[in-house]
Amino acid sequence: MYKGERQRQFPTTISTTSFVKLYILHLLNQKNYYGNRLKDEISRRLGGKWSPSPGMIYPMLNNLEQEGYIVGHWEEPTKRTKRIYSITDEGRRHYETIRRINMSSFDDSLYIIKKVLKDIYDISI
């Protein structure tokens, strides 16, 4: 509980937007990507169980670029077909900060899910 208020979000306190931002910076910390490839890579790494929409990815990339956390360049500037993104030094620092901040939310979510699987389905993981 926070200030006597009940927790209304289940099972985690991390928003979808924060999750996608964290994942984008995580992937760009490993290598450069273009928008659709980021979307597909997140989906692939989550086993196809969830995928961010293009309507979430592209505005997020624009915001991250405006904030100076990533930089983009056109693969073919005259055609402007694919914009390749890379993380900046400021983006790496921001990534490490939000990675550390969100760890407890993921840990809490995992705890809750394990308890529900055990209590309701008698499955231990």
Protein backbone atom coordinates (compact mmCIF):
# COMPACT_ATOMS: atom_id res chain seq x y z
CA MET A 1 0.00 0.00 0.00
CA TYR A 2 1.09 3.51 -0.75
CA LYS A 3 -0.06 6.16 1.71
CA GLY A 4 -2.89 3.91 2.87
CA GLU A 5 -4.23 3.43 -0.66
CA ARG A 6 -4.95 0.02 -2.13
CA GLN A 7 -2.86 -1.28 -5.01
CA ARG A 8 -5.20 -1.17 -8.01
CA GLN A 9 -2.89 -2.31 -10.79
CA PHE A 10 -2.32 -6.04 -11.17
CA PRO A 11 0.07 -7.79 -11.28
CA THR A 12 2.72 -5.13 -11.77
CA THR A 13 3.18 -1.44 -11.26
CA ILE A 14 5.12 -0.91 -14.49
CA SER A 15 3.09 0.58 -17.31
CA THR A 16 3.15 -0.83 -20.82
CA THR A 17 4.78 2.38 -22.03
CA SER A 18 7.55 2.13 -19.41
CA PHE A 19 8.05 -1.54 -20.26
CA VAL A 20 8.37 -0.85 -23.98
CA LYS A 21 10.74 2.07 -23.36
CA LEU A 22 12.93 -0.16 -21.19
CA TYR A 23 12.91 -2.95 -23.77
CA ILE A 24 13.72 -0.61 -26.67
CA LEU A 25 16.70 0.84 -24.80
CA HIS A 26 17.77 -2.67 -23.79
CA LEU A 27 17.79 -3.84 -27.41
CA LEU A 28 19.49 -0.69 -28.69
CA ASN A 29 22.13 -1.13 -26.00
CA GLN A 30 23.00 -4.40 -27.78
CA LYS A 31 22.84 -3.28 -31.42
CA ASN A 32 21.15 -0.89 -33.86
CA TYR A 33 17.60 -1.52 -35.03
CA TYR A 34 14.87 0.08 -37.13
CA GLY A 35 11.36 0.46 -35.74
CA ASN A 36 9.57 -2.55 -37.19
CA ARG A 37 12.52 -4.79 -36.36
CA LEU A 38 12.38 -3.60 -32.73
CA LYS A 39 8.68 -4.50 -32.59
CA ASP A 40 9.36 -7.93 -34.09
CA GLU A 41 12.35 -8.57 -31.81
CA ILE A 42 10.35 -7.79 -28.67
CA SER A 43 7.59 -10.12 -29.87
CA ARG A 44 10.12 -12.85 -30.70
CA ARG A 45 11.81 -12.58 -27.31
CA LEU A 46 8.42 -12.82 -25.59
CA GLY A 47 7.61 -15.99 -27.51
CA GLY A 48 4.96 -14.28 -29.63
CA LYS A 49 2.72 -13.94 -26.54
CA TRP A 50 2.71 -10.13 -26.78
CA SER A 51 3.88 -7.51 -29.23
CA PRO A 52 3.90 -3.73 -29.00
CA SER A 53 1.92 -1.99 -31.71
CA PRO A 54 3.55 0.23 -34.34
CA GLY A 55 1.41 3.00 -32.83
CA MET A 56 3.39 2.59 -29.62
CA ILE A 57 6.85 1.93 -31.08
CA TYR A 58 7.17 4.87 -33.48
CA PRO A 59 6.01 7.65 -31.14
CA MET A 60 8.27 6.12 -28.46
CA LEU A 61 11.24 6.21 -30.84
CA ASN A 62 10.47 9.85 -31.70
CA ASN A 63 10.29 10.76 -28.00
CA LEU A 64 13.50 8.90 -27.16
CA GLU A 65 15.24 10.69 -30.02
CA GLN A 66 13.93 14.11 -28.92
CA GLU A 67 15.14 13.39 -25.37
CA GLY A 68 18.62 12.57 -26.71
CA TYR A 69 18.58 8.93 -25.59
CA ILE A 70 18.80 7.58 -29.15
CA VAL A 71 19.78 8.88 -32.58
CA GLY A 72 18.37 7.80 -35.90
CA HIS A 73 19.58 7.97 -39.47
CA TRP A 74 17.97 6.95 -42.72
CA GLU A 75 19.39 3.77 -44.26
CA GLU A 76 18.79 5.33 -47.68
CA PRO A 77 18.39 9.10 -47.12
CA THR A 78 16.89 9.75 -50.55
CA LYS A 79 14.19 7.07 -50.09
CA ARG A 80 13.63 7.43 -46.32
CA THR A 81 12.47 3.83 -46.04
CA LYS A 82 14.19 2.61 -42.86
CA ARG A 83 15.34 4.78 -39.98
CA ILE A 84 18.09 2.99 -38.07
CA TYR A 85 18.38 3.85 -34.37
CA SER A 86 21.32 3.63 -32.00
CA ILE A 87 21.60 4.44 -28.32
CA THR A 88 23.57 7.46 -27.10
CA ASP A 89 25.78 7.69 -24.02
CA GLU A 90 22.96 9.59 -22.29
CA GLY A 91 20.59 6.81 -23.39
CA ARG A 92 22.85 4.18 -21.80
CA ARG A 93 22.84 6.09 -18.52
CA HIS A 94 19.06 6.47 -18.67
CA TYR A 95 18.66 2.78 -19.52
CA GLU A 96 20.71 1.75 -16.47
CA THR A 97 18.63 4.04 -14.26
CA ILE A 98 15.21 2.81 -15.41
CA ARG A 99 16.47 -0.78 -15.47
CA ARG A 100 17.41 -0.49 -11.80
CA ILE A 101 14.18 1.34 -10.86
CA ASN A 102 11.89 -1.22 -12.54
CA MET A 103 13.57 -4.35 -11.17
CA SER A 104 11.41 -4.41 -8.04
CA SER A 105 8.21 -4.20 -10.15
CA PHE A 106 9.25 -7.24 -12.19
CA ASP A 107 10.30 -9.08 -9.04
CA ASP A 108 6.92 -8.33 -7.40
CA SER A 109 5.08 -9.48 -10.54
CA LEU A 110 7.01 -12.73 -10.65
CA TYR A 111 6.26 -13.38 -6.98
CA ILE A 112 2.53 -12.78 -7.51
CA ILE A 113 2.36 -14.96 -10.62
CA LYS A 114 4.22 -17.81 -8.90
CA LYS A 115 1.84 -17.63 -5.93
CA VAL A 116 -1.26 -17.63 -8.17
CA LEU A 117 0.03 -20.59 -10.20
CA LYS A 118 0.73 -22.52 -6.99
CA ASP A 119 -2.48 -21.58 -5.13
CA ILE A 120 -4.98 -21.87 -7.97
CA TYR A 121 -3.36 -24.36 -10.38
CA ASP A 122 -1.04 -26.28 -8.02
CA ILE A 123 1.88 -25.54 -10.35
CA SER A 124 5.26 -24.69 -8.87
CA ILE A 125 7.85 -22.90 -10.95
